[in-house]
Amino acid sequence: MDFLISAAHAQQAGAPPSMWPNLILLGVFFLIFWFLLIRPQQKRLKEHQSMVAALQKGDEVITQGGVAGVVRELDDSFITVEIATDVKVKIQRQAVTAVLPKGSLKA
């Protein structure tokens, strides 16, 4: 038993290990995380916000639920989408997933 204790004391006799390699490794992991996950997500969010802000009457859109229709009315936070003749649905602006090219729904 005394042999193990003295070996443990002998291991502590050297200089304490530096923290710099661990901090550098942590920084590298953060940069990889930033460029692979956070930055692309922020870019997609900005693109979606600009698309939603640019909506106009007559735009053909697809919602998150997969419903396709034509924008008939715009409000600050809601839009009215006509999904069939005389069938209108009121949805949140953020629920619009994509704006289709003109004439896509008639084809």
Protein backbone atom coordinates (compact mmCIF):
# COMPACT_ATOMS: atom_id res chain seq x y z
CA MET A 1 0.00 0.00 0.00
CA ASP A 2 2.81 2.39 0.80
CA PHE A 3 4.27 1.65 -2.59
CA LEU A 4 1.14 3.02 -4.37
CA ILE A 5 0.99 6.18 -2.31
CA SER A 6 4.60 7.05 -2.94
CA ALA A 7 4.09 6.48 -6.68
CA ALA A 8 1.19 8.92 -6.64
CA HIS A 9 3.33 11.54 -4.91
CA ALA A 10 6.06 10.98 -7.47
CA GLN A 11 3.67 11.73 -10.34
CA GLN A 12 2.82 15.12 -8.86
CA ALA A 13 6.43 16.16 -8.60
CA GLY A 14 6.65 17.54 -12.17
CA ALA A 15 5.41 20.90 -13.49
CA PRO A 16 1.63 21.26 -13.63
CA PRO A 17 0.12 20.58 -17.07
CA SER A 18 -0.72 23.62 -19.16
CA MET A 19 -4.37 24.59 -19.84
CA TRP A 20 -3.57 26.17 -23.23
CA PRO A 21 -3.91 23.02 -25.36
CA ASN A 22 -7.36 22.38 -23.86
CA LEU A 23 -8.47 25.97 -24.50
CA ILE A 24 -7.18 25.88 -28.07
CA LEU A 25 -8.99 22.59 -28.70
CA LEU A 26 -12.20 24.05 -27.25
CA GLY A 27 -11.84 27.08 -29.54
CA VAL A 28 -11.33 24.86 -32.59
CA PHE A 29 -14.45 22.86 -31.75
CA PHE A 30 -16.44 26.08 -31.35
CA LEU A 31 -15.27 27.35 -34.76
CA ILE A 32 -16.18 24.07 -36.43
CA PHE A 33 -19.59 24.14 -34.72
CA TRP A 34 -20.08 27.76 -35.83
CA PHE A 35 -19.26 27.20 -39.50
CA LEU A 36 -21.11 23.90 -39.86
CA LEU A 37 -24.28 24.57 -37.83
CA ILE A 38 -24.91 28.10 -36.61
CA ARG A 39 -23.84 30.15 -39.63
CA PRO A 40 -25.87 28.20 -42.26
CA GLN A 41 -28.96 28.29 -40.03
CA GLN A 42 -28.69 32.07 -39.61
CA LYS A 43 -28.33 32.44 -43.38
CA ARG A 44 -31.48 30.36 -44.03
CA LEU A 45 -33.38 32.37 -41.41
CA LYS A 46 -32.44 35.69 -43.04
CA GLU A 47 -33.45 34.37 -46.48
CA HIS A 48 -36.83 33.22 -45.12
CA GLN A 49 -37.46 36.54 -43.38
CA SER A 50 -36.69 38.50 -46.55
CA MET A 51 -38.95 36.19 -48.59
CA VAL A 52 -41.83 36.64 -46.13
CA ALA A 53 -41.32 40.42 -46.05
CA ALA A 54 -41.42 40.58 -49.87
CA LEU A 55 -44.78 38.79 -50.23
CA GLN A 56 -47.27 40.58 -52.48
CA LYS A 57 -50.84 40.05 -53.60
CA GLY A 58 -50.99 37.52 -56.41
CA ASP A 59 -47.89 35.58 -55.32
CA GLU A 60 -48.26 31.82 -55.50
CA VAL A 61 -47.04 30.23 -52.28
CA ILE A 62 -46.67 26.90 -50.50
CA THR A 63 -47.27 26.74 -46.74
CA GLN A 64 -45.53 24.57 -44.15
CA GLY A 65 -48.52 22.24 -44.25
CA GLY A 66 -48.07 21.70 -47.99
CA VAL A 67 -51.07 23.79 -49.03
CA ALA A 68 -50.53 25.72 -52.27
CA GLY A 69 -52.45 28.87 -53.09
CA VAL A 70 -52.45 32.48 -54.21
CA VAL A 71 -51.99 35.39 -51.78
CA ARG A 72 -55.13 37.56 -51.80
CA GLU A 73 -54.74 39.79 -48.72
CA LEU A 74 -51.75 40.89 -46.65
CA ASP A 75 -51.60 41.99 -43.04
CA ASP A 76 -48.68 42.63 -40.69
CA SER A 77 -48.63 39.09 -39.33
CA PHE A 78 -51.28 37.21 -41.37
CA ILE A 79 -52.01 36.61 -45.03
CA THR A 80 -55.10 35.27 -46.77
CA VAL A 81 -54.38 32.53 -49.28
CA GLU A 82 -56.93 31.36 -51.83
CA ILE A 83 -56.46 27.60 -52.16
CA ALA A 84 -59.41 26.98 -54.52
CA THR A 85 -62.11 29.06 -56.17
CA ASP A 86 -63.78 31.06 -53.38
CA VAL A 87 -61.94 29.06 -50.68
CA LYS A 88 -59.68 31.33 -48.62
CA VAL A 89 -57.50 30.44 -45.65
CA LYS A 90 -55.92 32.90 -43.25
CA ILE A 91 -52.41 31.88 -42.15
CA GLN A 92 -49.42 33.43 -40.42
CA ARG A 93 -46.81 34.98 -42.69
CA GLN A 94 -44.10 32.78 -41.16
CA ALA A 95 -45.99 29.66 -42.31
CA VAL A 96 -45.07 30.37 -45.94
CA THR A 97 -42.32 28.00 -47.01
CA ALA A 98 -41.78 28.97 -50.64
CA VAL A 99 -42.91 31.42 -53.28
CA LEU A 100 -43.59 29.69 -56.58
CA PRO A 101 -43.01 31.17 -60.05
CA LYS A 102 -46.09 32.83 -61.55
CA GLY A 103 -48.38 30.36 -63.30
CA SER A 104 -47.17 27.30 -61.39
CA LEU A 105 -50.55 26.48 -59.88
CA LYS A 106 -52.52 26.70 -63.14
CA ALA A 107 -50.30 24.13 -64.85
